[in-house]
Amino acid sequence: MASQKKEPQGCGCGSIPFSVILLFLGAGYWWFSQPQNREISRYVPPDQTLTLPVLDLTVNLNPSTPAVPPVPTPLPTAILPATDPPEIEKAPETITAKPPQERDQPQSPWYQKEMRGIYLSRYQVTNNASEETIRERVRYYRSQGFNTILHGVWGNACTMYKSKVMAKKLGYDSCPNKFQAQWLDWLIDEAHKQDMQVHAYFEKGIKIDKNSPLFDLAMSQKWTVPGIDRTYSNVEHHVLDVANPEVSDFFRDILAEFAQKYPTIDAVQWDDYLGYHAELPGDVDRTESLTKFSQAMIQAMKKVNPDVSFDLCHHNPYWSKRYFAADWKNWDVDRVFVQAYNEANFDKELEYARKHAGIAITDNQLHRLPELIENKAIKSVLVFPLSGKPETTAANVNRLVSKSVQDS
């Protein structure tokens, strides 16, 4: 029995060559997209679609909103606090170096300051960084009007560079980090090429917390004074006893080694953590022992490298001696920058700062910058970015300086 011939079903689109269909769709899309033909598209309802079953394809004939490729959401920038950063590695801000601005604004009193410094905490900007990145960052700060970089090289009783003294004492040659071996050499070299100075910042002074490589040894050997120091943060600090020869010799050798290892460093600077807060338990006056310790440490550094300046960023002399046993006027230091972080007492701190090397402020006090710029008695200004974003702070400072020039 002969089979019956079936009649064709539908429109016969399946027999149309694929290339012809694509050509038709492309031409139609082009025609509708032309400005002279857009008026006709108003007769087609917005977002009207046409489904082509054969191609499993849906086409929007009159889209109400043009198709835009999605913009990737940038990853958040890691932030490290300037004080007591966690002992972990964080990604720094991404910056782009700009040409120096100092020559463009010579009339600004800002550029008459001896030191225009910005602080970079340890781990913050040189961890896991290449030579090119480090040099670029130095040039960036130069472009923002700074001539001094204060970079953390020590904290929690361990070095950020490789130290033979530390390795001998603790079995560690540095704090855990991903610093390139020559990171500080590159930083100093580029800074000097840019007519800048580098001051090695010894953070946290004689205080340690549980994350310090020295912690277990210090606790077992009773190298700390009684009590917990909670002066500045939620971190529980233990304070090393500098009257103990094991402690004092370790610090003395660390500082002397540093000055010898980095002979072209311009200065070392210690902070207010070089002190014993008055609220520690026990009626013990440690002023004399801290003075002897500091004098011995400075003498050891000067013996191997007399060209390095020993500086402090500390409380004013009255507060330092009265509340921190730090009679630094008798320590034979080269320069002192008075911390003026307390807004309520700022004018009084200015009086002290005028008598010393300069003043230290935070990025929360940039509104004070115009008056400091105009105050010729303030010889130097150091800025400490508590936000953990030194690049942003530097840009804000540069903006304020530029505005002060325009307003003058």
Protein backbone atom coordinates (compact mmCIF):
# COMPACT_ATOMS: atom_id res chain seq x y z
CA MET A 1 0.00 0.00 0.00
CA ALA A 2 1.40 3.26 -1.05
CA SER A 3 2.06 5.74 1.76
CA GLN A 4 0.03 8.89 1.77
CA LYS A 5 1.84 12.13 1.03
CA LYS A 6 1.63 14.52 4.03
CA GLU A 7 0.85 18.16 3.46
CA PRO A 8 3.43 20.62 4.74
CA GLN A 9 2.56 22.20 8.14
CA GLY A 10 3.06 25.84 9.15
CA CYS A 11 4.82 28.58 7.20
CA GLY A 12 7.83 26.58 6.09
CA CYS A 13 10.32 28.76 8.02
CA GLY A 14 12.37 25.70 8.89
CA SER A 15 13.35 25.38 5.25
CA ILE A 16 14.75 28.92 5.13
CA PRO A 17 18.53 28.90 5.31
CA PHE A 18 19.92 29.93 8.72
CA SER A 19 22.13 32.62 7.20
CA VAL A 20 19.12 34.28 5.56
CA ILE A 21 17.29 34.49 8.88
CA LEU A 22 20.30 36.08 10.60
CA LEU A 23 20.66 38.52 7.71
CA PHE A 24 17.00 39.50 8.03
CA LEU A 25 17.23 40.04 11.81
CA GLY A 26 20.42 42.06 11.52
CA ALA A 27 18.99 44.30 8.83
CA GLY A 28 15.82 44.85 10.82
CA TYR A 29 17.73 45.78 13.96
CA TRP A 30 19.91 48.19 11.98
CA TRP A 31 16.85 49.80 10.34
CA PHE A 32 15.07 50.34 13.66
CA SER A 33 18.22 51.77 15.27
CA GLN A 34 18.63 54.59 12.72
CA PRO A 35 17.58 58.04 13.99
CA GLN A 36 15.35 58.72 10.97
CA ASN A 37 13.39 55.49 11.64
CA ARG A 38 12.98 55.81 15.39
CA GLU A 39 9.70 57.69 14.97
CA ILE A 40 8.12 54.54 13.56
CA SER A 41 9.18 52.55 16.58
CA ARG A 42 6.66 54.47 18.68
CA TYR A 43 3.94 52.40 16.97
CA VAL A 44 5.51 49.27 18.45
CA PRO A 45 4.81 48.83 22.17
CA PRO A 46 7.90 49.21 24.33
CA ASP A 47 9.70 46.02 25.25
CA GLN A 48 7.66 44.14 22.62
CA THR A 49 9.40 40.83 21.92
CA LEU A 50 9.35 38.42 19.02
CA THR A 51 10.01 34.75 19.65
CA LEU A 52 11.55 32.58 16.93
CA PRO A 53 10.94 28.95 17.95
CA VAL A 54 13.17 27.50 15.27
CA LEU A 55 16.18 29.42 16.55
CA ASP A 56 15.11 29.34 20.19
CA LEU A 57 15.69 33.11 20.13
CA THR A 58 13.80 36.12 21.54
CA VAL A 59 14.29 39.59 20.01
CA ASN A 60 13.19 42.87 21.64
CA LEU A 61 11.71 45.02 18.86
CA ASN A 62 11.52 48.29 20.79
CA PRO A 63 13.57 48.24 23.99
CA SER A 64 12.63 51.00 26.45
CA THR A 65 16.10 50.90 28.04
CA PRO A 66 19.26 50.37 26.00
CA ALA A 67 21.25 47.31 26.94
CA VAL A 68 24.37 48.31 28.90
CA PRO A 69 26.99 45.81 29.96
CA PRO A 70 27.16 45.53 33.76
CA VAL A 71 29.96 47.49 35.46
CA PRO A 72 31.95 45.28 37.82
CA THR A 73 31.77 46.39 41.44
CA PRO A 74 35.26 47.24 42.69
CA LEU A 75 36.56 45.30 45.66
CA PRO A 76 36.66 47.35 48.85
CA THR A 77 40.04 48.79 49.77
CA ALA A 78 41.53 47.17 52.83
CA ILE A 79 41.89 49.50 55.78
CA LEU A 80 44.40 49.19 58.54
CA PRO A 81 44.29 51.42 61.61
CA ALA A 82 47.36 53.56 62.04
CA THR A 83 47.65 52.51 65.67
CA ASP A 84 48.18 48.88 66.59
CA PRO A 85 47.53 47.27 63.18
CA PRO A 86 46.68 43.56 63.34
CA GLU A 87 49.59 41.27 62.66
CA ILE A 88 48.20 40.31 59.27
CA GLU A 89 48.85 41.27 55.69
CA LYS A 90 46.50 43.73 54.00
CA ALA A 91 46.31 45.19 50.52
CA PRO A 92 47.24 48.87 50.34
CA GLU A 93 45.41 51.59 48.48
CA THR A 94 46.01 51.78 44.74
CA ILE A 95 47.71 55.05 43.87
CA THR A 96 49.11 56.75 40.82
CA ALA A 97 52.15 58.98 41.07
CA LYS A 98 51.77 62.56 39.89
CA PRO A 99 54.43 65.10 39.01
CA PRO A 100 55.71 67.11 41.99
CA GLN A 101 53.58 70.12 42.85
CA GLU A 102 56.04 72.01 45.05
CA ARG A 103 57.46 74.07 42.20
CA ASP A 104 53.92 75.14 41.26
CA GLN A 105 53.20 76.57 44.72
CA PRO A 106 56.44 78.13 46.04
CA GLN A 107 54.49 81.02 47.53
CA SER A 108 52.72 78.75 50.03
CA PRO A 109 54.12 78.89 53.59
CA TRP A 110 53.54 75.13 53.69
CA TYR A 111 56.65 74.64 51.60
CA GLN A 112 58.67 76.74 54.01
CA LYS A 113 58.22 74.17 56.78
CA GLU A 114 61.36 72.20 57.57
CA MET A 115 59.47 68.91 57.62
CA ARG A 116 56.14 68.10 56.06
CA GLY A 117 55.81 64.52 57.13
CA ILE A 118 53.32 61.70 56.72
CA TYR A 119 53.25 58.49 58.70
CA LEU A 120 52.91 55.04 57.13
CA SER A 121 52.38 52.24 59.63
CA ARG A 122 54.10 48.90 59.35
CA TYR A 123 52.36 46.37 57.07
CA GLN A 124 50.38 49.19 55.49
CA VAL A 125 52.00 50.04 52.17
CA THR A 126 55.16 48.01 51.69
CA ASN A 127 53.94 44.53 52.52
CA ASN A 128 54.16 42.25 49.48
CA ALA A 129 55.12 45.26 47.32
CA SER A 130 57.56 45.31 44.42
CA GLU A 131 60.41 47.76 44.00
CA GLU A 132 58.45 49.61 41.33
CA THR A 133 55.42 49.93 43.60
CA ILE A 134 57.45 51.23 46.53
CA ARG A 135 59.25 53.81 44.41
CA GLU A 136 55.96 54.93 42.86
CA ARG A 137 54.46 55.50 46.30
CA VAL A 138 57.39 57.63 47.37
CA ARG A 139 56.92 59.79 44.28
CA TYR A 140 53.23 60.05 45.05
CA TYR A 141 53.82 61.55 48.49
CA ARG A 142 56.35 63.92 46.98
CA SER A 143 53.71 65.01 44.48
CA GLN A 144 51.31 65.78 47.32
CA GLY A 145 53.74 68.21 48.94
CA PHE A 146 55.42 66.04 51.59
CA ASN A 147 59.17 65.96 52.08
CA THR A 148 59.36 63.39 54.89
CA ILE A 149 58.08 59.82 55.18
CA LEU A 150 57.80 58.21 58.60
CA HIS A 151 57.62 54.49 58.05
CA GLY A 152 57.04 51.84 60.71
CA VAL A 153 60.01 49.48 60.97
CA TRP A 154 59.39 47.99 64.42
CA GLY A 155 56.39 47.17 66.54
CA ASN A 156 55.28 44.63 69.13
CA ALA A 157 58.97 44.09 69.94
CA CYS A 158 59.84 42.73 66.52
CA THR A 159 61.39 44.15 63.37
CA MET A 160 59.86 44.49 59.91
CA TYR A 161 63.28 43.93 58.36
CA LYS A 162 65.59 40.97 58.83
CA SER A 163 67.50 41.33 62.10
CA LYS A 164 70.35 39.14 63.34
CA VAL A 165 69.84 40.46 66.86
CA MET A 166 66.23 39.38 66.86
CA ALA A 167 67.02 35.99 65.31
CA LYS A 168 69.59 35.33 68.02
CA LYS A 169 67.23 36.34 70.79
CA LEU A 170 63.95 34.86 69.59
CA GLY A 171 64.66 32.52 66.70
CA TYR A 172 62.71 34.89 64.39
CA ASP A 173 64.53 37.27 62.09
CA SER A 174 61.48 39.55 61.70
CA CYS A 175 57.76 39.90 62.31
CA PRO A 176 55.74 37.60 60.02
CA ASN A 177 55.37 39.53 56.76
CA LYS A 178 55.83 39.43 52.98
CA PHE A 179 58.24 42.34 52.74
CA GLN A 180 60.84 42.17 50.00
CA ALA A 181 64.34 41.98 51.52
CA GLN A 182 65.33 45.36 50.08
CA TRP A 183 62.07 47.22 50.74
CA LEU A 184 63.61 49.84 53.02
CA ASP A 185 66.67 50.29 50.78
CA TRP A 186 64.36 51.08 47.84
CA LEU A 187 62.26 53.43 49.97
CA ILE A 188 65.28 55.39 51.22
CA ASP A 189 66.95 55.49 47.81
CA GLU A 190 63.88 56.82 46.01
CA ALA A 191 63.14 59.33 48.76
CA HIS A 192 66.65 60.77 48.52
CA LYS A 193 66.31 60.99 44.74
CA GLN A 194 63.15 63.04 45.33
CA ASP A 195 64.92 65.26 47.88
CA MET A 196 62.92 63.68 50.70
CA GLN A 197 63.84 62.19 54.06
CA VAL A 198 62.88 58.83 55.57
CA HIS A 199 62.43 58.51 59.32
CA ALA A 200 62.24 54.97 60.67
CA TYR A 201 59.31 54.82 63.07
CA PHE A 202 59.63 52.48 66.06
CA GLU A 203 55.98 51.86 66.85
CA LYS A 204 54.58 50.72 70.18
CA GLY A 205 57.85 51.45 71.95
CA ILE A 206 58.29 49.08 74.87
CA LYS A 207 54.74 47.69 74.79
CA ILE A 208 53.74 44.25 73.55
CA ASP A 209 50.53 42.27 73.21
CA LYS A 210 49.79 38.57 72.87
CA ASN A 211 50.64 38.64 69.13
CA SER A 212 54.25 39.59 69.76
CA PRO A 213 56.91 36.93 69.05
CA LEU A 214 58.46 38.08 72.32
CA PHE A 215 55.29 37.57 74.34
CA ASP A 216 55.74 33.99 75.61
CA LEU A 217 59.40 34.53 76.46
CA ALA A 218 58.67 37.83 78.17
CA MET A 219 55.89 36.29 80.26
CA SER A 220 57.94 33.25 81.27
CA GLN A 221 60.99 35.34 82.17
CA LYS A 222 58.96 38.05 83.93
CA TRP A 223 60.25 40.79 81.64
CA THR A 224 57.12 42.96 82.04
CA VAL A 225 55.98 45.21 84.84
CA PRO A 226 52.79 44.29 86.71
CA GLY A 227 49.44 45.24 85.24
CA ILE A 228 47.80 45.78 81.85
CA ASP A 229 48.11 49.02 79.90
CA ARG A 230 44.87 50.06 78.18
CA THR A 231 45.82 53.66 77.52
CA TYR A 232 45.03 54.01 73.82
CA SER A 233 43.05 51.08 72.47
CA ASN A 234 41.16 47.92 73.26
CA VAL A 235 44.36 45.92 72.90
CA GLU A 236 45.72 44.73 76.22
CA HIS A 237 49.34 45.82 76.33
CA HIS A 238 52.02 44.52 78.63
CA VAL A 239 54.89 46.91 79.26
CA LEU A 240 58.45 45.64 79.25
CA ASP A 241 60.63 46.40 82.25
CA VAL A 242 63.62 48.38 80.93
CA ALA A 243 65.34 48.04 84.31
CA ASN A 244 65.85 44.37 83.38
CA PRO A 245 69.23 44.01 81.58
CA GLU A 246 67.82 41.33 79.27
CA VAL A 247 65.27 43.84 77.99
CA SER A 248 67.47 46.93 77.89
CA ASP A 249 70.34 45.11 76.12
CA PHE A 250 67.96 43.72 73.50
CA PHE A 251 66.55 47.15 72.67
CA ARG A 252 69.99 48.77 72.68
CA ASP A 253 71.36 46.16 70.28
CA ILE A 254 68.30 46.36 68.01
CA LEU A 255 68.63 50.12 67.58
CA ALA A 256 72.40 50.03 67.05
CA GLU A 257 72.00 47.24 64.50
CA PHE A 258 69.37 49.21 62.62
CA ALA A 259 71.51 52.35 62.39
CA GLN A 260 74.39 50.24 61.10
CA LYS A 261 72.28 48.19 58.69
CA TYR A 262 70.69 51.31 57.14
CA PRO A 263 73.46 53.93 57.29
CA THR A 264 71.64 56.39 55.01
CA ILE A 265 68.47 56.57 57.10
CA ASP A 266 67.83 60.20 58.07
CA ALA A 267 66.35 59.62 61.51
CA VAL A 268 64.71 57.15 63.83
CA GLN A 269 61.62 58.20 65.72
CA TRP A 270 60.01 56.63 68.77
CA ASP A 271 56.48 57.30 69.96
CA ASP A 272 54.71 57.82 73.26
CA TYR A 273 54.60 54.07 73.85
CA LEU A 274 58.10 54.64 75.18
CA GLY A 275 56.71 55.26 78.65
CA TYR A 276 54.88 53.84 81.67
CA HIS A 277 51.34 55.09 82.19
CA ALA A 278 50.63 56.34 85.69
CA GLU A 279 47.57 54.09 86.01
CA LEU A 280 49.66 50.92 86.06
CA PRO A 281 49.29 49.22 89.46
CA GLY A 282 51.82 49.83 92.20
CA ASP A 283 53.30 53.06 93.51
CA VAL A 284 56.53 52.80 91.49
CA ASP A 285 58.38 55.74 89.93
CA ARG A 286 60.12 54.40 86.82
CA THR A 287 61.30 57.79 85.56
CA GLU A 288 64.97 57.26 86.41
CA SER A 289 65.17 53.75 84.93
CA LEU A 290 63.48 54.92 81.70
CA THR A 291 65.90 57.84 81.43
CA LYS A 292 68.95 55.61 81.84
CA PHE A 293 67.53 53.12 79.33
CA SER A 294 66.84 55.79 76.71
CA GLN A 295 70.22 57.45 77.16
CA ALA A 296 72.03 54.13 76.74
CA MET A 297 70.00 53.25 73.65
CA ILE A 298 70.71 56.63 72.02
CA GLN A 299 74.41 56.44 72.83
CA ALA A 300 74.70 52.97 71.27
CA MET A 301 73.02 54.21 68.08
CA LYS A 302 75.18 57.31 67.86
CA LYS A 303 78.32 55.26 68.35
CA VAL A 304 77.76 53.25 65.18
CA ASN A 305 76.12 56.05 63.18
CA PRO A 306 76.44 59.59 64.58
CA ASP A 307 74.66 61.08 61.55
CA VAL A 308 71.28 59.57 62.41
CA SER A 309 68.92 61.81 64.34
CA PHE A 310 67.11 60.33 67.35
CA ASP A 311 63.62 61.85 67.47
CA LEU A 312 60.51 61.50 69.57
CA CYS A 313 56.83 61.96 68.81
CA HIS A 314 55.58 62.24 72.37
CA HIS A 315 53.37 64.14 74.75
CA ASN A 316 54.41 67.58 75.87
CA PRO A 317 57.17 67.55 78.50
CA TYR A 318 54.82 68.12 81.44
CA TRP A 319 52.41 65.31 80.54
CA SER A 320 55.22 62.94 79.53
CA LYS A 321 57.00 63.23 82.87
CA ARG A 322 53.89 63.49 85.04
CA TYR A 323 51.84 60.66 83.53
CA PHE A 324 54.26 58.47 81.57
CA ALA A 325 57.53 58.60 83.55
CA ALA A 326 59.11 59.93 80.36
CA ASP A 327 61.38 62.81 81.32
CA TRP A 328 62.57 63.11 77.73
CA LYS A 329 64.14 66.52 78.27
CA ASN A 330 66.96 64.60 79.96
CA TRP A 331 67.27 61.84 77.35
CA ASP A 332 69.60 63.74 74.98
CA VAL A 333 67.20 63.41 72.05
CA ASP A 334 67.78 65.42 68.88
CA ARG A 335 64.22 66.50 68.09
CA VAL A 336 60.78 66.25 69.66
CA PHE A 337 57.45 66.57 67.85
CA VAL A 338 54.65 67.31 70.28
CA GLN A 339 51.52 65.21 69.87
CA ALA A 340 48.48 67.47 69.70
CA TYR A 341 45.73 64.91 69.20
CA ASN A 342 43.55 66.39 71.95
CA GLU A 343 41.29 69.07 70.46
CA ALA A 344 40.27 70.41 73.86
CA ASN A 345 43.89 71.18 74.71
CA PHE A 346 45.11 72.10 71.22
CA ASP A 347 46.04 75.72 71.88
CA LYS A 348 48.12 74.73 74.90
CA GLU A 349 49.90 72.06 72.84
CA LEU A 350 50.73 74.73 70.27
CA GLU A 351 52.69 76.60 72.92
CA TYR A 352 54.86 73.55 73.51
CA ALA A 353 55.20 72.77 69.81
CA ARG A 354 56.58 76.25 69.11
CA LYS A 355 59.45 75.52 71.50
CA HIS A 356 60.36 72.21 69.89
CA ALA A 357 60.86 70.69 66.43
CA GLY A 358 57.21 70.73 65.44
CA ILE A 359 53.75 69.30 65.93
CA ALA A 360 52.00 66.00 65.17
CA ILE A 361 48.31 65.88 64.23
CA THR A 362 45.93 63.23 62.92
CA ASP A 363 43.80 63.27 59.78
CA ASN A 364 40.86 64.10 62.06
CA GLN A 365 42.48 67.49 62.62
CA LEU A 366 43.11 68.61 59.07
CA HIS A 367 40.82 71.56 59.76
CA ARG A 368 43.75 72.81 61.88
CA LEU A 369 46.12 72.72 58.94
CA PRO A 370 45.51 76.27 57.60
CA GLU A 371 46.42 77.85 60.94
CA LEU A 372 49.48 75.62 61.28
CA ILE A 373 50.60 76.54 57.77
CA GLU A 374 50.38 80.25 58.56
CA ASN A 375 52.04 79.88 61.97
CA LYS A 376 55.73 80.51 61.27
CA ALA A 377 56.66 79.43 64.79
CA ILE A 378 55.57 75.88 63.95
CA LYS A 379 58.65 74.66 62.12
CA SER A 380 57.37 71.22 61.07
CA VAL A 381 54.06 69.37 60.77
CA LEU A 382 53.68 65.58 60.89
CA VAL A 383 50.36 64.03 59.83
CA PHE A 384 49.24 60.64 61.19
CA PRO A 385 46.38 59.06 59.17
CA LEU A 386 44.25 57.28 61.77
CA SER A 387 41.88 56.34 58.96
CA GLY A 388 44.48 53.89 57.66
CA LYS A 389 44.36 55.58 54.23
CA PRO A 390 47.57 57.61 53.96
CA GLU A 391 47.18 58.18 50.21
CA THR A 392 43.77 59.74 50.72
CA THR A 393 45.06 61.81 53.63
CA ALA A 394 47.96 63.06 51.52
CA ALA A 395 45.57 64.12 48.76
CA ASN A 396 43.36 65.94 51.29
CA VAL A 397 46.37 67.80 52.66
CA ASN A 398 47.43 68.82 49.17
CA ARG A 399 43.91 70.06 48.45
CA LEU A 400 43.89 72.20 51.60
CA VAL A 401 47.30 73.63 50.76
CA SER A 402 46.15 74.52 47.24
CA LYS A 403 43.02 76.17 48.64
CA SER A 404 45.06 78.22 51.12
CA VAL A 405 47.19 79.50 48.21
CA GLN A 406 44.09 80.48 46.23
CA ASP A 407 42.53 82.22 49.23
CA SER A 408 45.67 84.20 50.06
